[in-house]
């Protein structure tokens, strides 16, 4: 069964970091996550496996999910839901 603490806390972290911006560096996501007392050091280690750089929220969710899958933890931790893609409207 997926870990509701990990998924819930990571969703809140991403909501906080991406509230007012389209892109954020992974170190900012890590900094926000490290202030959450319910995320263990092992859970934070997932973010350390993501290459430095700026990510959109969707890219960050995909990167976190890739780490979870690479570690084989998708059954125990679960996967984050990616936000829906916003497609440009043709003719606009």
N, C-alpha and C. Protein backbone atom coordinates (compact mmCIF):
# COMPACT_ATOMS: atom_id res chain seq x y z
N UNK A 1 0.85 -1.19 0.00
CA UNK A 1 0.00 0.00 0.00
C UNK A 1 0.88 1.24 0.00
N UNK A 2 0.58 2.23 -0.86
CA UNK A 2 1.40 3.44 -0.91
C UNK A 2 1.44 4.17 0.43
N UNK A 3 2.56 4.85 0.67
CA UNK A 3 2.77 5.59 1.91
C UNK A 3 2.09 6.96 1.81
N UNK A 4 0.96 7.15 2.52
CA UNK A 4 0.24 8.42 2.41
C UNK A 4 1.03 9.60 2.98
N UNK A 5 1.92 9.36 3.92
CA UNK A 5 2.72 10.45 4.49
C UNK A 5 3.67 11.00 3.42
N UNK A 6 4.42 10.11 2.78
CA UNK A 6 5.37 10.54 1.76
C UNK A 6 4.65 11.28 0.64
N UNK A 7 3.61 10.66 0.09
CA UNK A 7 2.90 11.28 -1.03
C UNK A 7 2.26 12.61 -0.64
N UNK A 8 1.62 12.65 0.51
CA UNK A 8 0.98 13.88 0.97
C UNK A 8 1.97 15.00 1.23
N UNK A 9 3.06 14.68 1.90
CA UNK A 9 4.07 15.69 2.20
C UNK A 9 4.73 16.21 0.92
N UNK A 10 5.05 15.29 -0.02
CA UNK A 10 5.67 15.72 -1.27
C UNK A 10 4.72 16.57 -2.09
N UNK A 11 3.44 16.25 -2.08
CA UNK A 11 2.46 17.08 -2.79
C UNK A 11 2.42 18.49 -2.20
N UNK A 12 2.46 18.57 -0.86
CA UNK A 12 2.45 19.88 -0.21
C UNK A 12 3.72 20.67 -0.52
N UNK A 13 4.86 19.98 -0.54
CA UNK A 13 6.12 20.64 -0.88
C UNK A 13 6.04 21.22 -2.28
N UNK A 14 5.58 20.42 -3.23
CA UNK A 14 5.50 20.88 -4.61
C UNK A 14 4.50 22.02 -4.75
N UNK A 15 3.39 21.95 -4.03
CA UNK A 15 2.41 23.04 -4.06
C UNK A 15 3.04 24.34 -3.55
N UNK A 16 3.77 24.24 -2.47
CA UNK A 16 4.41 25.42 -1.89
C UNK A 16 5.47 26.00 -2.81
N UNK A 17 6.33 25.16 -3.35
CA UNK A 17 7.43 25.64 -4.19
C UNK A 17 6.92 26.22 -5.50
N UNK A 18 5.95 25.58 -6.11
CA UNK A 18 5.49 26.00 -7.44
C UNK A 18 4.26 26.90 -7.39
N UNK A 19 3.90 27.37 -6.23
CA UNK A 19 2.70 28.21 -6.09
C UNK A 19 2.74 29.43 -7.00
N UNK A 20 3.87 30.13 -7.03
CA UNK A 20 3.96 31.39 -7.77
C UNK A 20 4.96 31.37 -8.91
N UNK A 21 5.34 30.18 -9.37
CA UNK A 21 6.35 30.12 -10.44
C UNK A 21 6.18 28.87 -11.29
N UNK A 22 6.77 28.94 -12.47
CA UNK A 22 6.69 27.83 -13.41
C UNK A 22 7.85 26.85 -13.24
N UNK A 23 9.03 27.35 -12.84
CA UNK A 23 10.23 26.52 -12.71
C UNK A 23 10.88 26.78 -11.36
N UNK A 24 11.56 25.75 -10.85
CA UNK A 24 12.29 25.89 -9.59
C UNK A 24 13.47 24.92 -9.60
N UNK A 25 14.57 25.32 -8.97
CA UNK A 25 15.71 24.40 -8.88
C UNK A 25 15.43 23.29 -7.87
N UNK A 26 16.02 22.13 -8.11
CA UNK A 26 15.80 20.99 -7.22
C UNK A 26 16.25 21.31 -5.79
N UNK A 27 17.27 22.14 -5.63
CA UNK A 27 17.74 22.47 -4.27
C UNK A 27 16.69 23.25 -3.49
N UNK A 28 15.82 24.01 -4.19
CA UNK A 28 14.75 24.71 -3.49
C UNK A 28 13.66 23.72 -3.04
N UNK A 29 13.39 22.75 -3.88
CA UNK A 29 12.43 21.70 -3.52
C UNK A 29 12.97 20.94 -2.31
N UNK A 30 14.26 20.60 -2.34
CA UNK A 30 14.89 19.88 -1.23
C UNK A 30 14.83 20.73 0.05
N UNK A 31 15.13 22.02 -0.05
CA UNK A 31 15.09 22.90 1.11
C UNK A 31 13.72 22.96 1.74
N UNK A 32 12.70 23.07 0.91
CA UNK A 32 11.33 23.10 1.41
C UNK A 32 10.98 21.75 2.05
N UNK A 33 11.36 20.67 1.41
CA UNK A 33 11.06 19.33 1.93
C UNK A 33 11.78 19.08 3.24
N UNK A 34 13.00 19.57 3.38
CA UNK A 34 13.78 19.30 4.60
C UNK A 34 13.19 20.00 5.82
N UNK A 35 12.37 21.00 5.62
CA UNK A 35 11.72 21.68 6.75
C UNK A 35 10.49 20.93 7.25
N UNK A 36 10.10 19.91 6.55
CA UNK A 36 8.92 19.11 6.93
C UNK A 36 9.36 17.99 7.86
N UNK A 37 8.82 17.98 9.05
CA UNK A 37 9.23 17.01 10.06
C UNK A 37 8.75 15.59 9.76
N UNK A 38 7.77 15.45 8.90
CA UNK A 38 7.24 14.12 8.62
C UNK A 38 7.99 13.40 7.50
N UNK A 39 8.90 14.09 6.81
CA UNK A 39 9.70 13.45 5.77
C UNK A 39 11.02 13.00 6.37
N UNK A 40 11.29 11.72 6.31
CA UNK A 40 12.52 11.18 6.88
C UNK A 40 13.71 11.47 5.97
N UNK A 41 14.91 11.26 6.52
CA UNK A 41 16.13 11.45 5.73
C UNK A 41 16.14 10.54 4.51
N UNK A 42 15.63 9.32 4.66
CA UNK A 42 15.57 8.41 3.53
C UNK A 42 14.64 8.95 2.44
N UNK A 43 13.54 9.54 2.84
CA UNK A 43 12.63 10.12 1.87
C UNK A 43 13.27 11.32 1.17
N UNK A 44 14.00 12.14 1.92
CA UNK A 44 14.69 13.28 1.33
C UNK A 44 15.79 12.84 0.37
N UNK A 45 16.36 11.68 0.61
CA UNK A 45 17.43 11.17 -0.25
C UNK A 45 16.95 10.99 -1.69
N UNK A 46 15.67 10.78 -1.88
CA UNK A 46 15.14 10.67 -3.24
C UNK A 46 15.45 11.95 -4.03
N UNK A 47 15.32 13.09 -3.39
CA UNK A 47 15.57 14.36 -4.07
C UNK A 47 17.04 14.54 -4.40
N UNK A 48 17.92 13.95 -3.60
CA UNK A 48 19.35 14.04 -3.87
C UNK A 48 19.74 13.31 -5.15
N UNK A 49 18.92 12.38 -5.59
CA UNK A 49 19.22 11.60 -6.79
C UNK A 49 18.78 12.31 -8.07
N UNK A 50 18.13 13.45 -7.94
CA UNK A 50 17.68 14.21 -9.11
C UNK A 50 18.78 15.19 -9.50
N UNK A 51 19.18 15.20 -10.77
CA UNK A 51 20.24 16.11 -11.20
C UNK A 51 19.88 17.58 -10.95
N UNK A 52 20.90 18.37 -10.61
CA UNK A 52 20.70 19.80 -10.39
C UNK A 52 20.09 20.44 -11.64
N UNK A 53 19.39 21.51 -11.42
CA UNK A 53 18.80 22.25 -12.54
C UNK A 53 17.41 22.72 -12.19
N UNK A 54 16.84 23.47 -13.10
CA UNK A 54 15.48 23.97 -12.93
C UNK A 54 14.48 23.02 -13.55
N UNK A 55 13.37 22.83 -12.87
CA UNK A 55 12.34 21.90 -13.31
C UNK A 55 10.97 22.57 -13.23
N UNK A 56 10.11 22.24 -14.18
CA UNK A 56 8.70 22.61 -14.02
C UNK A 56 8.12 21.64 -12.99
N UNK A 57 6.94 21.92 -12.54
CA UNK A 57 6.31 21.02 -11.56
C UNK A 57 6.14 19.62 -12.16
N UNK A 58 5.68 19.55 -13.40
CA UNK A 58 5.48 18.26 -14.07
C UNK A 58 6.81 17.52 -14.18
N UNK A 59 7.88 18.22 -14.56
CA UNK A 59 9.19 17.59 -14.69
C UNK A 59 9.69 17.08 -13.34
N UNK A 60 9.43 17.84 -12.27
CA UNK A 60 9.86 17.42 -10.94
C UNK A 60 9.10 16.17 -10.50
N UNK A 61 7.80 16.14 -10.73
CA UNK A 61 7.01 14.96 -10.39
C UNK A 61 7.54 13.74 -11.15
N UNK A 62 7.81 13.92 -12.43
CA UNK A 62 8.34 12.81 -13.23
C UNK A 62 9.70 12.37 -12.73
N UNK A 63 10.56 13.32 -12.34
CA UNK A 63 11.89 12.97 -11.82
C UNK A 63 11.79 12.22 -10.50
N UNK A 64 10.92 12.65 -9.60
CA UNK A 64 10.73 11.96 -8.32
C UNK A 64 10.20 10.55 -8.57
N UNK A 65 9.23 10.44 -9.46
CA UNK A 65 8.68 9.11 -9.77
C UNK A 65 9.73 8.19 -10.39
N UNK A 66 10.60 8.74 -11.22
CA UNK A 66 11.68 7.93 -11.81
C UNK A 66 12.61 7.39 -10.73
N UNK A 67 12.92 8.21 -9.73
CA UNK A 67 13.77 7.76 -8.63
C UNK A 67 13.07 6.64 -7.86
N UNK A 68 11.80 6.84 -7.56
CA UNK A 68 11.03 5.82 -6.83
C UNK A 68 11.03 4.51 -7.61
N UNK A 69 10.80 4.59 -8.91
CA UNK A 69 10.75 3.38 -9.73
C UNK A 69 12.12 2.73 -9.86
N UNK A 70 13.15 3.53 -10.01
CA UNK A 70 14.51 2.99 -10.10
C UNK A 70 14.88 2.23 -8.83
N UNK A 71 14.40 2.71 -7.68
CA UNK A 71 14.65 2.05 -6.41
C UNK A 71 13.70 0.87 -6.16
N UNK A 72 12.70 0.71 -7.02
CA UNK A 72 11.73 -0.37 -6.85
C UNK A 72 10.78 -0.14 -5.69
N UNK A 73 10.50 1.12 -5.37
CA UNK A 73 9.67 1.46 -4.21
C UNK A 73 8.26 1.91 -4.58
N UNK A 74 7.86 1.72 -5.82
CA UNK A 74 6.55 2.21 -6.23
C UNK A 74 5.41 1.54 -5.48
N UNK A 75 5.58 0.29 -5.07
CA UNK A 75 4.51 -0.38 -4.32
C UNK A 75 4.44 0.10 -2.87
N UNK A 76 5.59 0.42 -2.27
CA UNK A 76 5.58 0.84 -0.87
C UNK A 76 5.36 2.35 -0.71
N UNK A 77 5.93 3.16 -1.60
CA UNK A 77 5.76 4.61 -1.50
C UNK A 77 4.63 5.13 -2.36
N UNK A 78 4.42 4.50 -3.49
CA UNK A 78 3.45 5.01 -4.45
C UNK A 78 4.12 6.00 -5.37
N UNK A 79 3.37 6.54 -6.30
CA UNK A 79 3.88 7.53 -7.24
C UNK A 79 3.04 8.79 -7.14
N UNK A 80 3.68 9.92 -7.39
CA UNK A 80 2.98 11.19 -7.40
C UNK A 80 2.18 11.33 -8.69
N UNK A 81 1.05 11.98 -8.62
CA UNK A 81 0.25 12.26 -9.81
C UNK A 81 0.81 13.50 -10.48
N UNK A 82 1.06 13.40 -11.77
CA UNK A 82 1.55 14.55 -12.52
C UNK A 82 0.39 15.51 -12.77
N UNK A 83 0.67 16.82 -12.68
CA UNK A 83 -0.39 17.77 -13.00
C UNK A 83 -0.75 17.65 -14.48
N UNK A 84 -1.97 17.98 -14.84
CA UNK A 84 -2.36 17.85 -16.25
C UNK A 84 -1.54 18.79 -17.14
N UNK A 85 -1.26 18.31 -18.35
CA UNK A 85 -0.57 19.15 -19.33
C UNK A 85 -1.52 20.22 -19.82
N UNK A 86 -0.99 21.41 -19.98
CA UNK A 86 -1.79 22.50 -20.54
C UNK A 86 -1.34 22.67 -21.98
N UNK A 87 -2.21 22.31 -22.89
CA UNK A 87 -1.89 22.36 -24.31
C UNK A 87 -2.34 23.72 -24.87
N UNK A 88 -1.50 24.31 -25.74
CA UNK A 88 -1.91 25.58 -26.34
C UNK A 88 -3.13 25.37 -27.24
N UNK A 89 -3.99 26.35 -27.27
CA UNK A 89 -5.19 26.30 -28.09
C UNK A 89 -4.82 26.77 -29.49
N UNK A 90 -5.13 25.95 -30.48
CA UNK A 90 -4.81 26.33 -31.86
C UNK A 90 -5.66 27.52 -32.29
N UNK A 91 -5.01 28.40 -33.06
CA UNK A 91 -5.71 29.57 -33.56
C UNK A 91 -5.72 30.74 -32.61
N UNK A 92 -5.04 30.62 -31.47
CA UNK A 92 -5.03 31.72 -30.50
C UNK A 92 -3.89 32.65 -30.76
